[in-house]
Amino acid sequence: MADATVDINMVAMEVILNAGDGRACIDQALESMAQLDFDAVEAHLAEAETKIQKAHNAQTDTIQRQAAGEDVEYSLLFTHAQDTLMTISAELHMTQKMLPVVRALAGK
């Protein structure tokens, strides 16, 4: 049982770290957007997507293992990791939606 707890907490940290790295990329993208450097925005957003996808994959693997019947102990840290990932995914989505608006405004 202790091994499952350590494992779920390691997965949680993987999710949190990758999602956090994704957020840092989103912040850089927003800074580049403010400077109207759209090539840099796209590069930062691509990197953010990669980081967030890694976090999502770790989360999904854990959920699939539990759905398949593996005993996965409850972890408050994993719950926090899922919340963090969801929030940062929403930040990525909003930043991606802002990009064409800012491009259009910059062209005027």
Protein backbone atom coordinates (compact mmCIF):
# COMPACT_ATOMS: atom_id res chain seq x y z
CA MET A 1 0.00 0.00 0.00
CA ALA A 2 2.87 2.41 0.78
CA ASP A 3 4.33 1.81 -2.68
CA ALA A 4 1.07 2.92 -4.31
CA THR A 5 1.12 6.12 -2.26
CA VAL A 6 4.70 6.89 -3.27
CA ASP A 7 3.87 6.11 -6.89
CA ILE A 8 0.76 8.32 -7.00
CA ASN A 9 2.66 11.15 -5.36
CA MET A 10 5.50 10.80 -7.87
CA VAL A 11 2.95 10.96 -10.69
CA ALA A 12 1.41 14.01 -9.04
CA MET A 13 4.76 15.76 -8.94
CA GLU A 14 5.34 14.90 -12.61
CA VAL A 15 1.99 16.48 -13.47
CA ILE A 16 2.65 19.57 -11.35
CA LEU A 17 6.18 20.11 -12.67
CA ASN A 18 5.25 19.71 -16.34
CA ALA A 19 2.13 21.82 -15.99
CA GLY A 20 4.15 24.48 -14.15
CA ASP A 21 6.76 24.48 -16.91
CA GLY A 22 3.89 24.89 -19.37
CA ARG A 23 2.63 27.89 -17.41
CA ALA A 24 6.09 29.49 -17.58
CA CYS A 25 5.99 29.07 -21.37
CA ILE A 26 2.52 30.64 -21.48
CA ASP A 27 3.81 33.59 -19.46
CA GLN A 28 6.65 34.00 -21.95
CA ALA A 29 4.15 33.79 -24.82
CA LEU A 30 2.05 36.55 -23.25
CA GLU A 31 5.13 38.73 -22.80
CA SER A 32 6.03 38.16 -26.45
CA MET A 33 2.45 38.91 -27.44
CA ALA A 34 2.68 42.26 -25.67
CA GLN A 35 5.75 43.00 -27.81
CA LEU A 36 3.88 41.82 -30.95
CA ASP A 37 6.57 39.19 -31.53
CA PHE A 38 4.25 36.57 -32.96
CA ASP A 39 6.96 34.11 -33.98
CA ALA A 40 8.11 33.95 -30.36
CA VAL A 41 4.51 33.62 -29.18
CA GLU A 42 3.97 30.59 -31.40
CA ALA A 43 7.23 28.99 -30.26
CA HIS A 44 6.38 29.48 -26.58
CA LEU A 45 2.86 28.16 -27.07
CA ALA A 46 4.17 25.08 -28.88
CA GLU A 47 6.52 24.39 -25.98
CA ALA A 48 3.68 24.95 -23.50
CA GLU A 49 1.53 22.44 -25.38
CA THR A 50 4.31 19.84 -25.20
CA LYS A 51 4.75 20.31 -21.45
CA ILE A 52 1.02 20.25 -20.76
CA GLN A 53 0.62 17.14 -22.91
CA LYS A 54 3.28 15.37 -20.81
CA ALA A 55 1.37 16.32 -17.66
CA HIS A 56 -1.90 15.18 -19.20
CA ASN A 57 -0.40 11.85 -20.27
CA ALA A 58 0.84 11.13 -16.74
CA GLN A 59 -2.59 11.95 -15.32
CA THR A 60 -4.44 9.91 -17.94
CA ASP A 61 -2.20 6.89 -17.45
CA THR A 62 -3.01 6.91 -13.75
CA ILE A 63 -6.75 7.26 -14.35
CA GLN A 64 -6.67 4.43 -16.90
CA ARG A 65 -4.79 2.17 -14.49
CA GLN A 66 -7.42 2.79 -11.83
CA ALA A 67 -10.26 2.25 -14.33
CA ALA A 68 -8.64 -1.07 -15.26
CA GLY A 69 -8.93 -2.20 -11.65
CA GLU A 70 -5.51 -1.34 -10.26
CA ASP A 71 -5.70 -0.12 -6.68
CA VAL A 72 -4.71 3.55 -6.72
CA GLU A 73 -4.71 5.13 -3.30
CA TYR A 74 -6.29 8.56 -2.87
CA SER A 75 -3.76 11.37 -2.86
CA LEU A 76 -4.53 14.98 -2.03
CA LEU A 77 -1.36 15.88 -3.94
CA PHE A 78 -2.70 14.13 -7.06
CA THR A 79 -5.98 16.02 -6.70
CA HIS A 80 -3.99 19.24 -6.49
CA ALA A 81 -1.99 18.20 -9.56
CA GLN A 82 -5.19 17.63 -11.54
CA ASP A 83 -6.51 21.03 -10.49
CA THR A 84 -3.23 22.66 -11.46
CA LEU A 85 -3.24 20.96 -14.86
CA MET A 86 -6.85 21.96 -15.52
CA THR A 87 -6.17 25.60 -14.64
CA ILE A 88 -3.03 25.82 -16.78
CA SER A 89 -4.76 24.05 -19.67
CA ALA A 90 -7.43 26.75 -19.52
CA GLU A 91 -4.72 29.44 -19.52
CA LEU A 92 -3.20 27.86 -22.63
CA HIS A 93 -6.58 27.73 -24.33
CA MET A 94 -7.32 31.38 -23.57
CA THR A 95 -3.88 32.50 -24.73
CA GLN A 96 -4.32 30.59 -27.99
CA LYS A 97 -7.72 32.25 -28.47
CA MET A 98 -6.25 35.69 -27.77
CA LEU A 99 -3.50 35.36 -30.37
CA PRO A 100 -5.61 35.97 -33.51
CA VAL A 101 -7.39 38.88 -31.79
CA VAL A 102 -4.10 40.54 -30.91
CA ARG A 103 -2.78 39.86 -34.42
CA ALA A 104 -5.85 41.50 -35.92
CA LEU A 105 -5.56 44.52 -33.65
CA ALA A 106 -1.83 44.82 -34.36
CA GLY A 107 -2.58 44.92 -38.08
CA LYS A 108 -4.80 48.00 -37.72
